[in-house]
Amino acid sequence: MIFITKIKKCDVLEEDQKCSLCNGPLDHIYHPMEKWNIKGLLCSKCYSQKIFETYPGTHERVNKS
C-alpha cells in the first residue's frame, strides 16, 4: 500500500514573507479567499479589512472567552 501526501512548498522563507496588499510584516498568516483574486498572503489588518468589505454590517463576537 502506498500513501502519497501533498506537501505545500513556499518559495520564500517565512521570515521574508510580506503582506500582498500593504507589503507589511506578517504577524499571523492569512490566506485570501479565492473570490478576492489576491495572490500571496495577508496580514491581520488587511485580512480584517477584506472580510469587512466582503461581509458589511455590524459584527458581534460570539465566543467572548
PDB file of N, CA and C in Angstrom:
ATOM      1  N   MET A   1       0.844  -1.154   0.000  1.00  0.00           N
ATOM      2  CA  MET A   1       0.000   0.000   0.000  1.00  0.00           C
ATOM      3  C   MET A   1       0.908   1.242   0.000  1.00  0.00           C
ATOM      4  N   ILE A   2       0.587   2.211  -0.862  1.00  0.00           N
ATOM      5  CA  ILE A   2       1.390   3.422  -0.973  1.00  0.00           C
ATOM      6  C   ILE A   2       0.522   4.626  -0.624  1.00  0.00           C
ATOM      7  N   PHE A   3       1.043   5.462   0.223  1.00  0.00           N
ATOM      8  CA  PHE A   3       0.359   6.697   0.576  1.00  0.00           C
ATOM      9  C   PHE A   3       1.141   7.868   0.009  1.00  0.00           C
ATOM     10  N   ILE A   4       0.447   8.758  -0.640  1.00  0.00           N
ATOM     11  CA  ILE A   4       1.089   9.944  -1.194  1.00  0.00           C
ATOM     12  C   ILE A   4       0.537  11.153  -0.450  1.00  0.00           C
ATOM     13  N   THR A   5       1.431  11.918   0.121  1.00  0.00           N
ATOM     14  CA  THR A   5       0.990  13.107   0.852  1.00  0.00           C
ATOM     15  C   THR A   5       1.261  14.340   0.010  1.00  0.00           C
ATOM     16  N   LYS A   6       0.407  15.290   0.158  1.00  0.00           N
ATOM     17  CA  LYS A   6       0.549  16.543  -0.578  1.00  0.00           C
ATOM     18  C   LYS A   6       1.280  17.537   0.317  1.00  0.00           C
ATOM     19  N   ILE A   7       2.409  18.006  -0.153  1.00  0.00           N
ATOM     20  CA  ILE A   7       3.221  18.934   0.626  1.00  0.00           C
ATOM     21  C   ILE A   7       3.216  20.285  -0.072  1.00  0.00           C
ATOM     22  N   LYS A   8       2.879  21.328   0.693  1.00  0.00           N
ATOM     23  CA  LYS A   8       2.930  22.681   0.146  1.00  0.00           C
ATOM     24  C   LYS A   8       4.337  23.212   0.314  1.00  0.00           C
ATOM     25  N   LYS A   9       4.841  23.837  -0.723  1.00  0.00           N
ATOM     26  CA  LYS A   9       6.166  24.423  -0.650  1.00  0.00           C
ATOM     27  C   LYS A   9       6.043  25.933  -0.724  1.00  0.00           C
ATOM     28  N   CYS A  10       6.848  26.610   0.047  1.00  0.00           N
ATOM     29  CA  CYS A  10       6.901  28.069  -0.019  1.00  0.00           C
ATOM     30  C   CYS A  10       8.170  28.451  -0.765  1.00  0.00           C
ATOM     31  N   ASP A  11       8.041  29.387  -1.695  1.00  0.00           N
ATOM     32  CA  ASP A  11       9.203  29.833  -2.450  1.00  0.00           C
ATOM     33  C   ASP A  11      10.085  30.772  -1.635  1.00  0.00           C
ATOM     34  N   VAL A  12       9.517  31.375  -0.611  1.00  0.00           N
ATOM     35  CA  VAL A  12      10.236  32.357   0.178  1.00  0.00           C
ATOM     36  C   VAL A  12      10.303  31.872   1.618  1.00  0.00           C
ATOM     37  N   LEU A  13      11.392  32.196   2.297  1.00  0.00           N
ATOM     38  CA  LEU A  13      11.492  31.833   3.694  1.00  0.00           C
ATOM     39  C   LEU A  13      10.426  32.559   4.497  1.00  0.00           C
ATOM     40  N   GLU A  14       9.971  31.943   5.552  1.00  0.00           N
ATOM     41  CA  GLU A  14       8.878  32.513   6.340  1.00  0.00           C
ATOM     42  C   GLU A  14       9.216  33.899   6.875  1.00  0.00           C
ATOM     43  N   GLU A  15      10.479  34.147   7.216  1.00  0.00           N
ATOM     44  CA  GLU A  15      10.885  35.439   7.759  1.00  0.00           C
ATOM     45  C   GLU A  15      10.767  36.556   6.717  1.00  0.00           C
ATOM     46  N   ASP A  16      10.909  36.218   5.438  1.00  0.00           N
ATOM     47  CA  ASP A  16      10.924  37.217   4.381  1.00  0.00           C
ATOM     48  C   ASP A  16       9.545  37.476   3.795  1.00  0.00           C
ATOM     49  N   GLN A  17       8.519  36.804   4.263  1.00  0.00           N
ATOM     50  CA  GLN A  17       7.194  36.964   3.692  1.00  0.00           C
ATOM     51  C   GLN A  17       6.582  38.281   4.133  1.00  0.00           C
ATOM     52  N   LYS A  18       5.899  38.923   3.195  1.00  0.00           N
ATOM     53  CA  LYS A  18       5.242  40.194   3.461  1.00  0.00           C
ATOM     54  C   LYS A  18       3.808  40.118   2.966  1.00  0.00           C
ATOM     55  N   CYS A  19       2.976  41.012   3.463  1.00  0.00           N
ATOM     56  CA  CYS A  19       1.581  41.083   3.063  1.00  0.00           C
ATOM     57  C   CYS A  19       1.489  41.470   1.590  1.00  0.00           C
ATOM     58  N   SER A  20       0.594  40.829   0.864  1.00  0.00           N
ATOM     59  CA  SER A  20       0.437  41.093  -0.564  1.00  0.00           C
ATOM     60  C   SER A  20      -0.189  42.456  -0.838  1.00  0.00           C
ATOM     61  N   LEU A  21      -0.942  43.000   0.107  1.00  0.00           N
ATOM     62  CA  LEU A  21      -1.602  44.286  -0.114  1.00  0.00           C
ATOM     63  C   LEU A  21      -0.789  45.471   0.397  1.00  0.00           C
ATOM     64  N   CYS A  22      -0.374  45.430   1.669  1.00  0.00           N
ATOM     65  CA  CYS A  22       0.318  46.589   2.249  1.00  0.00           C
ATOM     66  C   CYS A  22       1.832  46.425   2.314  1.00  0.00           C
ATOM     67  N   ASN A  23       2.330  45.248   1.966  1.00  0.00           N
ATOM     68  CA  ASN A  23       3.762  44.943   1.982  1.00  0.00           C
ATOM     69  C   ASN A  23       4.352  45.010   3.393  1.00  0.00           C
ATOM     70  N   GLY A  24       3.494  44.908   4.404  1.00  0.00           N
ATOM     71  CA  GLY A  24       3.943  44.929   5.791  1.00  0.00           C
ATOM     72  C   GLY A  24       4.300  43.541   6.282  1.00  0.00           C
ATOM     73  N   PRO A  25       4.872  43.458   7.474  1.00  0.00           N
ATOM     74  CA  PRO A  25       5.252  42.151   8.029  1.00  0.00           C
ATOM     75  C   PRO A  25       4.020  41.334   8.401  1.00  0.00           C
ATOM     76  N   LEU A  26       4.173  40.027   8.366  1.00  0.00           N
ATOM     77  CA  LEU A  26       3.073  39.125   8.697  1.00  0.00           C
ATOM     78  C   LEU A  26       3.195  38.702  10.155  1.00  0.00           C
ATOM     79  N   ASP A  27       2.318  39.235  11.017  1.00  0.00           N
ATOM     80  CA  ASP A  27       2.313  38.810  12.406  1.00  0.00           C
ATOM     81  C   ASP A  27       1.603  37.464  12.536  1.00  0.00           C
ATOM     82  N   HIS A  28       0.663  37.220  11.630  1.00  0.00           N
ATOM     83  CA  HIS A  28      -0.041  35.940  11.519  1.00  0.00           C
ATOM     84  C   HIS A  28      -0.370  35.759  10.042  1.00  0.00           C
ATOM     85  N   ILE A  29      -0.295  34.564   9.547  1.00  0.00           N
ATOM     86  CA  ILE A  29      -0.520  34.313   8.124  1.00  0.00           C
ATOM     87  C   ILE A  29      -1.993  34.054   7.844  1.00  0.00           C
ATOM     88  N   TYR A  30      -2.549  34.812   6.907  1.00  0.00           N
ATOM     89  CA  TYR A  30      -3.919  34.607   6.458  1.00  0.00           C
ATOM     90  C   TYR A  30      -3.910  34.361   4.958  1.00  0.00           C
ATOM     91  N   HIS A  31      -4.684  33.385   4.516  1.00  0.00           N
ATOM     92  CA  HIS A  31      -4.830  33.091   3.101  1.00  0.00           C
ATOM     93  C   HIS A  31      -6.074  33.797   2.588  1.00  0.00           C
ATOM     94  N   PRO A  32      -5.958  34.524   1.482  1.00  0.00           N
ATOM     95  CA  PRO A  32      -7.127  35.242   0.967  1.00  0.00           C
ATOM     96  C   PRO A  32      -8.164  34.303   0.368  1.00  0.00           C
ATOM     97  N   MET A  33      -9.424  34.747   0.355  1.00  0.00           N
ATOM     98  CA  MET A  33     -10.486  33.987  -0.294  1.00  0.00           C
ATOM     99  C   MET A  33     -10.255  34.017  -1.799  1.00  0.00           C
ATOM    100  N   GLU A  34     -10.666  32.978  -2.487  1.00  0.00           N
ATOM    101  CA  GLU A  34     -10.455  32.891  -3.935  1.00  0.00           C
ATOM    102  C   GLU A  34     -11.138  34.031  -4.679  1.00  0.00           C
ATOM    103  N   LYS A  35     -12.321  34.445  -4.221  1.00  0.00           N
ATOM    104  CA  LYS A  35     -13.055  35.493  -4.924  1.00  0.00           C
ATOM    105  C   LYS A  35     -12.405  36.869  -4.795  1.00  0.00           C
ATOM    106  N   TRP A  36     -11.418  37.033  -3.917  1.00  0.00           N
ATOM    107  CA  TRP A  36     -10.715  38.303  -3.796  1.00  0.00           C
ATOM    108  C   TRP A  36      -9.672  38.483  -4.892  1.00  0.00           C
ATOM    109  N   ASN A  37      -9.289  37.395  -5.553  1.00  0.00           N
ATOM    110  CA  ASN A  37      -8.266  37.432  -6.607  1.00  0.00           C
ATOM    111  C   ASN A  37      -6.968  38.077  -6.141  1.00  0.00           C
ATOM    112  N   ILE A  38      -6.484  37.642  -4.995  1.00  0.00           N
ATOM    113  CA  ILE A  38      -5.223  38.128  -4.436  1.00  0.00           C
ATOM    114  C   ILE A  38      -4.261  36.962  -4.391  1.00  0.00           C
ATOM    115  N   LYS A  39      -3.090  37.141  -4.923  1.00  0.00           N
ATOM    116  CA  LYS A  39      -2.051  36.112  -4.874  1.00  0.00           C
ATOM    117  C   LYS A  39      -1.135  36.413  -3.694  1.00  0.00           C
ATOM    118  N   GLY A  40      -0.858  35.417  -2.903  1.00  0.00           N
ATOM    119  CA  GLY A  40       0.025  35.604  -1.760  1.00  0.00           C
ATOM    120  C   GLY A  40      -0.738  35.592  -0.454  1.00  0.00           C
ATOM    121  N   LEU A  41      -0.081  36.073   0.592  1.00  0.00           N
ATOM    122  CA  LEU A  41      -0.632  36.034   1.940  1.00  0.00           C
ATOM    123  C   LEU A  41      -1.031  37.434   2.405  1.00  0.00           C
ATOM    124  N   LEU A  42      -1.853  37.480   3.457  1.00  0.00           N
ATOM    125  CA  LEU A  42      -2.305  38.756   4.004  1.00  0.00           C
ATOM    126  C   LEU A  42      -1.950  38.866   5.483  1.00  0.00           C
ATOM    127  N   CYS A  43      -1.740  40.109   5.931  1.00  0.00           N
ATOM    128  CA  CYS A  43      -1.532  40.362   7.354  1.00  0.00           C
ATOM    129  C   CYS A  43      -2.897  40.459   8.028  1.00  0.00           C
ATOM    130  N   SER A  44      -2.914  40.531   9.336  1.00  0.00           N
ATOM    131  CA  SER A  44      -4.167  40.583  10.094  1.00  0.00           C
ATOM    132  C   SER A  44      -5.007  41.793   9.719  1.00  0.00           C
ATOM    133  N   LYS A  45      -4.359  42.948   9.592  1.00  0.00           N
ATOM    134  CA  LYS A  45      -5.078  44.192   9.294  1.00  0.00           C
ATOM    135  C   LYS A  45      -5.762  44.124   7.928  1.00  0.00           C
ATOM    136  N   CYS A  46      -5.049  43.701   6.904  1.00  0.00           N
ATOM    137  CA  CYS A  46      -5.612  43.624   5.549  1.00  0.00           C
ATOM    138  C   CYS A  46      -6.675  42.539   5.443  1.00  0.00           C
ATOM    139  N   TYR A  47      -6.466  41.417   6.125  1.00  0.00           N
ATOM    140  CA  TYR A  47      -7.461  40.340   6.105  1.00  0.00           C
ATOM    141  C   TYR A  47      -8.761  40.816   6.747  1.00  0.00           C
ATOM    142  N   SER A  48      -8.655  41.506   7.881  1.00  0.00           N
ATOM    143  CA  SER A  48      -9.844  42.020   8.553  1.00  0.00           C
ATOM    144  C   SER A  48     -10.580  43.017   7.670  1.00  0.00           C
ATOM    145  N   GLN A  49      -9.832  43.870   6.977  1.00  0.00           N
ATOM    146  CA  GLN A  49     -10.442  44.851   6.078  1.00  0.00           C
ATOM    147  C   GLN A  49     -11.184  44.156   4.934  1.00  0.00           C
ATOM    148  N   LYS A  50     -10.569  43.150   4.339  1.00  0.00           N
ATOM    149  CA  LYS A  50     -11.207  42.422   3.230  1.00  0.00           C
ATOM    150  C   LYS A  50     -12.446  41.656   3.714  1.00  0.00           C
ATOM    151  N   ILE A  51     -12.392  41.094   4.921  1.00  0.00           N
ATOM    152  CA  ILE A  51     -13.553  40.408   5.489  1.00  0.00           C
ATOM    153  C   ILE A  51     -14.689  41.403   5.676  1.00  0.00           C
ATOM    154  N   PHE A  52     -14.371  42.602   6.183  1.00  0.00           N
ATOM    155  CA  PHE A  52     -15.385  43.625   6.392  1.00  0.00           C
ATOM    156  C   PHE A  52     -16.005  44.058   5.059  1.00  0.00           C
ATOM    157  N   GLU A  53     -15.181  44.164   4.009  1.00  0.00           N
ATOM    158  CA  GLU A  53     -15.698  44.534   2.682  1.00  0.00           C
ATOM    159  C   GLU A  53     -16.592  43.424   2.116  1.00  0.00           C
ATOM    160  N   THR A  54     -16.235  42.172   2.389  1.00  0.00           N
ATOM    161  CA  THR A  54     -16.993  41.033   1.879  1.00  0.00           C
ATOM    162  C   THR A  54     -18.310  40.857   2.625  1.00  0.00           C
ATOM    163  N   TYR A  55     -18.263  41.047   3.942  1.00  0.00           N
ATOM    164  CA  TYR A  55     -19.442  40.887   4.791  1.00  0.00           C
ATOM    165  C   TYR A  55     -19.708  42.199   5.532  1.00  0.00           C
ATOM    166  N   PRO A  56     -20.297  43.200   4.865  1.00  0.00           N
ATOM    167  CA  PRO A  56     -20.513  44.501   5.503  1.00  0.00           C
ATOM    168  C   PRO A  56     -21.573  44.434   6.604  1.00  0.00           C
ATOM    169  N   GLY A  57     -21.549  45.423   7.464  1.00  0.00           N
ATOM    170  CA  GLY A  57     -22.512  45.489   8.561  1.00  0.00           C
ATOM    171  C   GLY A  57     -21.811  45.419   9.899  1.00  0.00           C
ATOM    172  N   THR A  58     -22.593  45.328  10.951  1.00  0.00           N
ATOM    173  CA  THR A  58     -22.008  45.229  12.281  1.00  0.00           C
ATOM    174  C   THR A  58     -21.748  43.756  12.593  1.00  0.00           C
ATOM    175  N   HIS A  59     -20.634  43.510  13.234  1.00  0.00           N
ATOM    176  CA  HIS A  59     -20.253  42.150  13.591  1.00  0.00           C
ATOM    177  C   HIS A  59     -20.136  42.056  15.096  1.00  0.00           C
ATOM    178  N   GLU A  60     -20.752  41.029  15.659  1.00  0.00           N
ATOM    179  CA  GLU A  60     -20.690  40.811  17.089  1.00  0.00           C
ATOM    180  C   GLU A  60     -19.945  39.515  17.340  1.00  0.00           C
ATOM    181  N   ARG A  61     -18.960  39.597  18.204  1.00  0.00           N
ATOM    182  CA  ARG A  61     -18.170  38.424  18.532  1.00  0.00           C
ATOM    183  C   ARG A  61     -19.011  37.461  19.362  1.00  0.00           C
ATOM    184  N   VAL A  62     -19.077  36.210  18.936  1.00  0.00           N
ATOM    185  CA  VAL A  62     -19.915  35.219  19.615  1.00  0.00           C
ATOM    186  C   VAL A  62     -19.179  34.584  20.777  1.00  0.00           C
ATOM    187  N   ASN A  63     -17.952  34.155  20.564  1.00  0.00           N
ATOM    188  CA  ASN A  63     -17.165  33.494  21.599  1.00  0.00           C
ATOM    189  C   ASN A  63     -16.327  34.561  22.303  1.00  0.00           C
ATOM    190  N   LYS A  64     -16.767  35.018  23.452  1.00  0.00           N
ATOM    191  CA  LYS A  64     -16.084  36.098  24.162  1.00  0.00           C
ATOM    192  C   LYS A  64     -15.140  35.577  25.231  1.00  0.00           C
ATOM    193  N   SER A  65     -14.662  34.365  25.130  1.00  0.00           N
ATOM    194  CA  SER A  65     -13.775  33.806  26.137  1.00  0.00           C
ATOM    195  C   SER A  65     -12.361  34.254  25.956  1.00  0.00           C
TER     196      SER A  65
END
